[in-house]
Amino acid sequence: MNYHRPFSYELPTRLEFGIGLTARLGDFAGSLGGSKALVITDPGLIAAGVVDRVTTALDRGAIGYTVFSDVESEPDARGVEASVERYRAEGCDVIVAVGGGSALDTGKAVSAMLTNPGHIRDYAGLGVVKEKGAPFIAIPTTAGTGSEATIWAVISEKDKGRKYGVGSPLTVPDIALCDPELTVTLPPRVTAVTGIDALAHALESYVNKATQPISEALSERAIALVGRSLRTAVFAGDTLTARADMLLASSMAAMAFNPTRLGLAHALAMPLGANAKIPHADVIAILLPPVMRFNVVANLEKFAHIAELFGERVSHLPLRDAAEAGVRSVERLIRDVGAPNSLAAYGVREADLEGMAEGGLQSGNVPVNPRATTREDLVAIMRECL
């Protein structure tokens, strides 16, 4: 470790983790001065009965609420505006976002727009938000995005073909309430791809050029938890210990990449998601193996340790062989859980790759990638997935 290179670590979110912890939601809302909550969620979670558990807990805590359930799978700025209007019209004083990354990112954007003027697009980029957002509790129901513990919200304007990130410690949740019981109903496929997204967060932060001691430790633990429990969470989804491992891994991976950014899989996910309409977790699962194969030569020691974190015995191997075993461990996990492996299946063609690569180069994740990367490199990575 080079201690001559300074680093900083900040996590303004209070993390509350525990099986059955949703029952205490009213207490947590009250601790933020809340008396009426805007519950931001999606129709699927209402149908699954998850939102009922949240509203029952609010009732028990004598916290009023109104539900906004029109969150889209890739959150749109129009939903942010509608949520802000509902919050103000109903006299709410605390946000409770329940769901995956889409609901939680919407919550962050709403929090920002309740205290900052203009449109959410005005705050695209890092550190543009000026005022602390409205009180906000995030309740994740997937184990993947880690949005409950990150400074970033990714928002789309689908009618304009735009997608951008808003990053600020001023809009993060005040409290992240992580209850593994709420992830038990997650279908196997969603469990698989969101779990791979969490793994990618940990891996890309771990090997990139901005990594630092605190994020490294968080990444290592998250990688080990995913390697141990994702298969069980996918194929025996009612196993609470596996669900808890995955939820904790997701939050820890997010805490790892907050100060470090990520890498090429996430650099390309933005243009592929915006233009080819590929769900974020799907595109990460597709891209992660070729990105790892491209990067392995730039950080052999870290990739070899990834193999060890997956339980592989590699101490007897030459360093390069051990590092490649780390890549194979991840590839095997992705195959085992049935995650997607083809961009072509989503309509991406050779003619699209140059434009997608150009979009990827605009990401702040490219400069921190462990291996220097050109447009041609990005095209080649995507070409492997056609």
Protein backbone atom coordinates (compact mmCIF):
# COMPACT_ATOMS: atom_id res chain seq x y z
CA MET A 1 0.00 0.00 0.00
CA ASN A 2 1.34 3.42 -0.99
CA TYR A 3 0.63 5.62 2.00
CA HIS A 4 2.18 8.61 0.22
CA ARG A 5 -0.98 8.76 -1.90
CA PRO A 6 -3.66 10.40 0.27
CA PHE A 7 -7.24 9.10 0.29
CA SER A 8 -10.53 10.05 1.89
CA TYR A 9 -13.59 8.06 2.85
CA GLU A 10 -17.01 9.49 3.64
CA LEU A 11 -20.30 7.71 4.29
CA PRO A 12 -23.02 10.10 5.45
CA THR A 13 -25.69 7.35 5.42
CA ARG A 14 -26.60 5.53 8.64
CA LEU A 15 -26.88 1.81 7.86
CA GLU A 16 -29.43 -0.21 9.86
CA PHE A 17 -29.22 -3.94 9.03
CA GLY A 18 -31.22 -6.83 10.41
CA ILE A 19 -33.78 -9.55 9.69
CA GLY A 20 -37.26 -8.19 10.43
CA LEU A 21 -36.00 -4.63 10.90
CA THR A 22 -38.78 -3.20 8.71
CA ALA A 23 -41.05 -3.37 11.76
CA ARG A 24 -39.11 -0.45 13.26
CA LEU A 25 -39.59 1.85 10.27
CA GLY A 26 -41.92 4.16 12.17
CA ASP A 27 -39.26 4.75 14.82
CA PHE A 28 -36.65 5.55 12.18
CA ALA A 29 -38.99 7.94 10.36
CA GLY A 30 -39.81 9.65 13.62
CA SER A 31 -36.13 10.05 14.44
CA LEU A 32 -35.81 12.19 11.30
CA GLY A 33 -38.70 14.40 12.41
CA GLY A 34 -41.12 12.70 10.04
CA SER A 35 -44.88 12.66 10.58
CA LYS A 36 -46.03 11.84 7.02
CA ALA A 37 -44.05 9.84 4.46
CA LEU A 38 -44.05 9.79 0.70
CA VAL A 39 -43.54 6.09 -0.05
CA ILE A 40 -41.83 5.75 -3.46
CA THR A 41 -42.06 2.29 -5.00
CA ASP A 42 -43.22 0.32 -8.05
CA PRO A 43 -46.36 -1.71 -8.87
CA GLY A 44 -44.56 -5.05 -8.61
CA LEU A 45 -43.72 -4.53 -4.95
CA ILE A 46 -47.30 -3.55 -4.20
CA ALA A 47 -48.51 -6.75 -5.87
CA ALA A 48 -45.92 -8.81 -3.95
CA GLY A 49 -47.16 -7.44 -0.61
CA VAL A 50 -43.81 -5.84 0.26
CA VAL A 51 -45.26 -2.33 0.42
CA ASP A 52 -47.97 -3.57 2.80
CA ARG A 53 -45.23 -4.49 5.28
CA VAL A 54 -43.81 -0.99 4.98
CA THR A 55 -47.12 0.81 5.41
CA THR A 56 -48.09 -1.46 8.32
CA ALA A 57 -44.86 -0.45 10.05
CA LEU A 58 -45.62 3.22 9.41
CA ASP A 59 -49.14 2.75 10.83
CA ARG A 60 -47.67 1.11 13.91
CA GLY A 61 -45.38 4.08 14.39
CA ALA A 62 -48.23 6.60 13.89
CA ILE A 63 -46.58 7.94 10.73
CA GLY A 64 -48.97 8.98 7.96
CA TYR A 65 -48.17 8.17 4.36
CA THR A 66 -49.10 8.47 0.72
CA VAL A 67 -47.83 6.03 -1.92
CA PHE A 68 -46.30 6.96 -5.29
CA SER A 69 -46.00 3.70 -7.22
CA ASP A 70 -45.24 4.82 -10.78
CA VAL A 71 -41.47 4.28 -10.67
CA GLU A 72 -40.21 2.88 -13.98
CA SER A 73 -37.53 0.20 -14.34
CA GLU A 74 -35.10 2.88 -15.52
CA PRO A 75 -36.23 5.90 -13.47
CA ASP A 76 -37.36 8.86 -15.54
CA ALA A 77 -37.18 12.53 -14.67
CA ARG A 78 -40.96 12.75 -15.15
CA GLY A 79 -41.39 10.39 -12.20
CA VAL A 80 -39.11 12.58 -10.13
CA GLU A 81 -41.21 15.65 -10.92
CA ALA A 82 -44.48 13.81 -10.18
CA SER A 83 -43.11 12.57 -6.85
CA VAL A 84 -42.02 16.08 -5.83
CA GLU A 85 -45.51 17.38 -6.63
CA ARG A 86 -47.13 14.58 -4.59
CA TYR A 87 -44.80 15.20 -1.61
CA ARG A 88 -45.69 18.88 -1.49
CA ALA A 89 -49.39 18.47 -2.20
CA GLU A 90 -49.79 15.85 0.56
CA GLY A 91 -47.76 17.77 3.16
CA CYS A 92 -45.10 15.07 3.52
CA ASP A 93 -41.95 15.61 5.54
CA VAL A 94 -39.96 12.40 4.93
CA ILE A 95 -39.26 10.18 1.91
CA VAL A 96 -39.36 6.38 2.18
CA ALA A 97 -38.12 4.75 -1.03
CA VAL A 98 -38.78 1.00 -1.25
CA GLY A 99 -37.38 -1.17 -4.04
CA GLY A 100 -34.38 -1.71 -6.23
CA GLY A 101 -32.08 0.88 -7.68
CA SER A 102 -34.85 2.57 -9.66
CA ALA A 103 -36.96 3.41 -6.60
CA LEU A 104 -33.95 4.35 -4.48
CA ASP A 105 -32.44 6.54 -7.21
CA THR A 106 -35.81 8.24 -7.63
CA GLY A 107 -35.81 8.86 -3.89
CA LYS A 108 -32.40 10.53 -4.08
CA ALA A 109 -33.47 12.73 -6.97
CA VAL A 110 -36.70 13.71 -5.21
CA SER A 111 -34.76 14.51 -2.04
CA ALA A 112 -32.50 16.81 -4.06
CA MET A 113 -35.29 18.57 -5.93
CA LEU A 114 -37.24 19.34 -2.75
CA THR A 115 -34.45 21.65 -1.58
CA ASN A 116 -32.72 22.71 -4.82
CA PRO A 117 -34.24 24.72 -7.70
CA GLY A 118 -34.57 23.78 -11.36
CA HIS A 119 -34.65 20.37 -13.05
CA ILE A 120 -32.80 17.23 -11.96
CA ARG A 121 -30.71 17.37 -15.16
CA ASP A 122 -29.21 20.63 -13.84
CA TYR A 123 -27.39 18.53 -11.24
CA ALA A 124 -25.86 15.92 -13.54
CA GLY A 125 -22.28 15.18 -12.59
CA LEU A 126 -20.44 14.98 -9.29
CA GLY A 127 -20.90 17.55 -6.53
CA VAL A 128 -23.29 19.87 -8.36
CA VAL A 129 -26.08 19.71 -5.75
CA LYS A 130 -25.71 22.62 -3.32
CA GLU A 131 -28.29 22.07 -0.57
CA LYS A 132 -28.90 19.05 1.67
CA GLY A 133 -31.87 17.06 0.46
CA ALA A 134 -35.13 16.32 2.28
CA PRO A 135 -35.16 13.61 5.00
CA PHE A 136 -34.90 10.23 3.30
CA ILE A 137 -35.02 6.53 4.25
CA ALA A 138 -34.02 3.92 1.66
CA ILE A 139 -35.28 0.35 1.94
CA PRO A 140 -33.64 -1.95 -0.64
CA THR A 141 -35.58 -4.98 -1.83
CA THR A 142 -32.87 -6.23 -4.20
CA ALA A 143 -29.26 -7.13 -3.46
CA GLY A 144 -27.40 -5.54 -6.32
CA THR A 145 -27.37 -1.81 -6.95
CA GLY A 146 -26.34 -0.82 -3.43
CA SER A 147 -28.09 2.47 -4.12
CA GLU A 148 -28.95 2.74 -0.44
CA ALA A 149 -25.26 3.36 0.27
CA THR A 150 -24.07 5.36 -2.74
CA ILE A 151 -23.94 9.03 -3.64
CA TRP A 152 -25.18 8.37 -7.21
CA ALA A 153 -28.63 8.43 -8.77
CA VAL A 154 -28.99 7.51 -12.45
CA ILE A 155 -31.91 9.26 -14.12
CA SER A 156 -33.25 9.04 -17.68
CA GLU A 157 -35.21 11.33 -19.94
CA LYS A 158 -36.48 8.66 -22.28
CA ASP A 159 -38.28 11.05 -24.61
CA LYS A 160 -34.96 12.83 -25.23
CA GLY A 161 -32.70 9.76 -25.21
CA ARG A 162 -30.76 11.06 -22.21
CA LYS A 163 -29.35 9.23 -19.21
CA TYR A 164 -27.11 10.82 -16.60
CA GLY A 165 -25.79 10.39 -13.10
CA VAL A 166 -26.32 12.82 -10.23
CA GLY A 167 -23.70 12.30 -7.55
CA SER A 168 -23.66 14.08 -4.21
CA PRO A 169 -23.32 13.20 -0.52
CA LEU A 170 -26.09 15.77 0.05
CA THR A 171 -28.77 13.52 -1.47
CA VAL A 172 -27.89 10.13 0.01
CA PRO A 173 -30.38 8.45 2.34
CA ASP A 174 -30.21 9.57 5.94
CA ILE A 175 -30.97 5.96 6.89
CA ALA A 176 -30.56 2.78 4.83
CA LEU A 177 -32.88 0.18 6.35
CA CYS A 178 -31.64 -3.21 5.13
CA ASP A 179 -33.96 -6.10 5.95
CA PRO A 180 -33.07 -9.41 4.21
CA GLU A 181 -36.68 -10.61 4.61
CA LEU A 182 -37.76 -8.12 1.96
CA THR A 183 -35.51 -9.76 -0.65
CA VAL A 184 -36.89 -13.30 -0.25
CA THR A 185 -39.61 -12.82 -2.89
CA LEU A 186 -37.09 -11.66 -5.51
CA PRO A 187 -37.35 -14.02 -8.54
CA PRO A 188 -34.32 -16.21 -9.35
CA ARG A 189 -33.34 -14.37 -12.52
CA VAL A 190 -33.48 -10.96 -10.87
CA THR A 191 -31.56 -12.35 -7.90
CA ALA A 192 -28.90 -13.59 -10.31
CA VAL A 193 -28.32 -10.44 -12.35
CA THR A 194 -28.55 -8.03 -9.44
CA GLY A 195 -26.12 -10.23 -7.51
CA ILE A 196 -23.66 -10.07 -10.41
CA ASP A 197 -24.06 -6.28 -10.43
CA ALA A 198 -23.08 -6.20 -6.75
CA LEU A 199 -20.10 -8.42 -7.53
CA ALA A 200 -19.07 -6.09 -10.36
CA HIS A 201 -19.21 -3.11 -8.01
CA ALA A 202 -16.85 -4.86 -5.63
CA LEU A 203 -14.53 -6.21 -8.34
CA GLU A 204 -14.21 -3.04 -10.39
CA SER A 205 -13.56 -0.93 -7.31
CA TYR A 206 -11.07 -3.50 -6.00
CA VAL A 207 -8.82 -3.60 -9.07
CA ASN A 208 -9.05 -0.02 -10.29
CA LYS A 209 -6.40 2.68 -9.94
CA ALA A 210 -8.33 4.70 -7.35
CA THR A 211 -8.71 1.90 -4.81
CA GLN A 212 -7.72 2.62 -1.21
CA PRO A 213 -7.45 0.62 2.03
CA ILE A 214 -10.99 1.06 3.30
CA SER A 215 -12.65 0.37 -0.04
CA GLU A 216 -10.34 -2.62 -0.61
CA ALA A 217 -11.41 -4.21 2.66
CA LEU A 218 -15.09 -3.66 1.85
CA SER A 219 -14.61 -5.07 -1.66
CA GLU A 220 -12.83 -8.19 -0.43
CA ARG A 221 -15.60 -9.01 2.02
CA ALA A 222 -18.30 -8.37 -0.57
CA ILE A 223 -16.59 -10.58 -3.17
CA ALA A 224 -16.31 -13.43 -0.67
CA LEU A 225 -19.97 -13.11 0.35
CA VAL A 226 -21.18 -13.21 -3.26
CA GLY A 227 -18.96 -16.18 -4.06
CA ARG A 228 -20.34 -18.01 -1.06
CA SER A 229 -24.05 -17.21 -1.30
CA LEU A 230 -25.28 -16.05 -4.71
CA ARG A 231 -25.93 -19.57 -6.01
CA THR A 232 -27.96 -20.41 -2.90
CA ALA A 233 -29.91 -17.15 -3.09
CA VAL A 234 -30.81 -17.92 -6.71
CA PHE A 235 -31.73 -21.59 -6.36
CA ALA A 236 -32.98 -21.69 -2.75
CA GLY A 237 -34.29 -18.18 -2.38
CA ASP A 238 -35.98 -18.71 0.98
CA THR A 239 -32.59 -19.28 2.65
CA LEU A 240 -32.38 -16.19 4.83
CA THR A 241 -28.67 -16.50 5.56
CA ALA A 242 -27.90 -16.42 1.83
CA ARG A 243 -30.26 -13.49 1.32
CA ALA A 244 -28.60 -11.66 4.21
CA ASP A 245 -25.14 -12.35 2.79
CA MET A 246 -26.17 -10.93 -0.57
CA LEU A 247 -27.83 -7.82 0.87
CA LEU A 248 -24.78 -7.13 3.01
CA ALA A 249 -22.48 -7.73 0.03
CA SER A 250 -24.49 -5.29 -2.06
CA SER A 251 -24.27 -2.53 0.55
CA MET A 252 -20.58 -3.14 1.24
CA ALA A 253 -19.72 -3.14 -2.48
CA ALA A 254 -21.51 0.18 -2.84
CA MET A 255 -19.62 1.57 0.12
CA ALA A 256 -16.43 0.42 -1.62
CA PHE A 257 -17.00 2.15 -4.94
CA ASN A 258 -18.41 5.40 -3.52
CA PRO A 259 -14.93 6.99 -3.31
CA THR A 260 -13.23 5.01 -6.10
CA ARG A 261 -15.61 4.83 -9.09
CA LEU A 262 -15.71 1.56 -11.06
CA GLY A 263 -14.39 0.35 -14.43
CA LEU A 264 -15.18 -0.49 -18.03
CA ALA A 265 -18.28 -2.64 -17.47
CA HIS A 266 -20.00 0.29 -15.82
CA ALA A 267 -18.55 2.78 -18.30
CA LEU A 268 -20.27 0.91 -21.14
CA ALA A 269 -23.46 0.18 -19.19
CA MET A 270 -24.62 3.80 -19.47
CA PRO A 271 -24.65 4.09 -23.29
CA LEU A 272 -25.87 0.51 -23.76
CA GLY A 273 -28.67 1.07 -21.29
CA ALA A 274 -29.69 4.41 -22.76
CA ASN A 275 -29.50 3.44 -26.44
CA ALA A 276 -30.10 -0.31 -26.57
CA LYS A 277 -32.53 -0.27 -23.63
CA ILE A 278 -30.70 -3.11 -21.87
CA PRO A 279 -31.47 -3.31 -18.13
CA HIS A 280 -28.44 -2.23 -16.13
CA ALA A 281 -27.82 -5.50 -14.27
CA ASP A 282 -28.18 -7.51 -17.49
CA VAL A 283 -25.57 -5.49 -19.35
CA ILE A 284 -23.15 -5.73 -16.42
CA ALA A 285 -23.48 -9.53 -16.35
CA ILE A 286 -22.80 -9.65 -20.10
CA LEU A 287 -19.77 -7.34 -20.03
CA LEU A 288 -18.04 -8.37 -16.82
CA PRO A 289 -16.20 -11.48 -18.15
CA PRO A 290 -14.61 -9.79 -21.21
CA VAL A 291 -13.76 -6.72 -19.13
CA MET A 292 -11.98 -8.94 -16.59
CA ARG A 293 -10.12 -10.77 -19.35
CA PHE A 294 -8.99 -7.41 -20.75
CA ASN A 295 -7.89 -6.08 -17.35
CA VAL A 296 -6.23 -9.13 -15.82
CA VAL A 297 -2.73 -8.32 -17.09
CA ALA A 298 -2.83 -4.91 -15.41
CA ASN A 299 -3.28 -6.20 -11.85
CA LEU A 300 -2.23 -9.84 -11.59
CA GLU A 301 -1.94 -9.81 -7.79
CA LYS A 302 -5.48 -8.56 -7.24
CA PHE A 303 -6.99 -10.98 -9.76
CA ALA A 304 -5.14 -13.86 -8.11
CA HIS A 305 -6.59 -12.83 -4.76
CA ILE A 306 -10.07 -12.79 -6.31
CA ALA A 307 -9.59 -16.50 -6.98
CA GLU A 308 -8.73 -17.03 -3.31
CA LEU A 309 -11.79 -15.04 -2.22
CA PHE A 310 -13.85 -17.45 -4.33
CA GLY A 311 -12.30 -20.36 -2.45
CA GLU A 312 -9.87 -21.43 -5.16
CA ARG A 313 -6.54 -22.97 -4.13
CA VAL A 314 -4.03 -21.06 -6.25
CA SER A 315 -1.00 -20.61 -3.99
CA HIS A 316 0.91 -23.29 -5.93
CA LEU A 317 0.26 -21.65 -9.31
CA PRO A 318 2.36 -19.10 -11.19
CA LEU A 319 0.95 -15.61 -10.63
CA ARG A 320 -0.49 -15.27 -14.15
CA ASP A 321 -2.26 -18.64 -13.87
CA ALA A 322 -3.64 -17.73 -10.46
CA ALA A 323 -4.92 -14.41 -11.81
CA GLU A 324 -6.66 -16.11 -14.71
CA ALA A 325 -8.24 -18.52 -12.23
CA GLY A 326 -9.84 -15.47 -10.64
CA VAL A 327 -11.41 -14.56 -13.98
CA ARG A 328 -12.64 -18.12 -14.51
CA SER A 329 -14.22 -18.18 -11.03
CA VAL A 330 -16.38 -15.21 -11.94
CA GLU A 331 -17.23 -16.61 -15.39
CA ARG A 332 -18.31 -19.89 -13.80
CA LEU A 333 -20.56 -18.12 -11.30
CA ILE A 334 -22.22 -16.10 -14.06
CA ARG A 335 -22.89 -19.29 -16.06
CA ASP A 336 -24.14 -21.18 -13.02
CA VAL A 337 -26.78 -18.60 -12.12
CA GLY A 338 -27.98 -18.30 -15.72
CA ALA A 339 -27.20 -14.63 -16.24
CA PRO A 340 -27.39 -13.30 -19.83
CA ASN A 341 -24.25 -13.39 -21.98
CA SER A 342 -25.15 -11.75 -25.30
CA LEU A 343 -25.58 -8.13 -26.39
CA ALA A 344 -26.92 -9.38 -29.71
CA ALA A 345 -29.91 -10.86 -27.89
CA TYR A 346 -30.91 -7.27 -27.07
CA GLY A 347 -30.53 -6.08 -30.66
CA VAL A 348 -27.00 -4.67 -30.50
CA ARG A 349 -25.15 -5.01 -33.80
CA GLU A 350 -21.61 -4.42 -35.03
CA ALA A 351 -22.64 -1.08 -36.52
CA ASP A 352 -23.68 0.16 -33.06
CA LEU A 353 -20.38 -0.47 -31.30
CA GLU A 354 -18.43 2.66 -32.28
CA GLY A 355 -21.17 4.92 -30.95
CA MET A 356 -21.50 2.92 -27.74
CA ALA A 357 -17.74 3.04 -27.24
CA GLU A 358 -17.70 6.81 -27.70
CA GLY A 359 -20.38 7.11 -25.04
CA GLY A 360 -18.40 4.84 -22.73
CA LEU A 361 -15.29 7.02 -23.05
CA GLN A 362 -17.22 9.92 -21.54
CA SER A 363 -17.60 7.99 -18.28
CA GLY A 364 -15.47 8.87 -15.29
CA ASN A 365 -14.97 5.13 -14.84
CA VAL A 366 -12.55 4.85 -17.78
CA PRO A 367 -9.65 6.89 -16.29
CA VAL A 368 -9.58 4.72 -13.14
CA ASN A 369 -9.72 1.40 -14.99
CA PRO A 370 -6.57 -0.61 -14.20
CA ARG A 371 -5.58 -0.89 -17.87
CA ALA A 372 -5.33 2.11 -20.20
CA THR A 373 -8.25 1.93 -22.59
CA THR A 374 -8.94 3.18 -26.10
CA ARG A 375 -12.12 3.40 -28.14
CA GLU A 376 -10.93 0.36 -30.08
CA ASP A 377 -10.53 -1.58 -26.83
CA LEU A 378 -14.12 -0.83 -25.85
CA VAL A 379 -15.35 -1.90 -29.28
CA ALA A 380 -13.40 -5.17 -28.99
CA ILE A 381 -14.85 -5.89 -25.53
CA MET A 382 -18.39 -5.42 -26.80
CA ARG A 383 -17.68 -7.41 -29.96
CA GLU A 384 -16.88 -10.43 -27.77
CA CYS A 385 -20.45 -10.28 -26.52
CA LEU A 386 -22.24 -10.25 -29.87
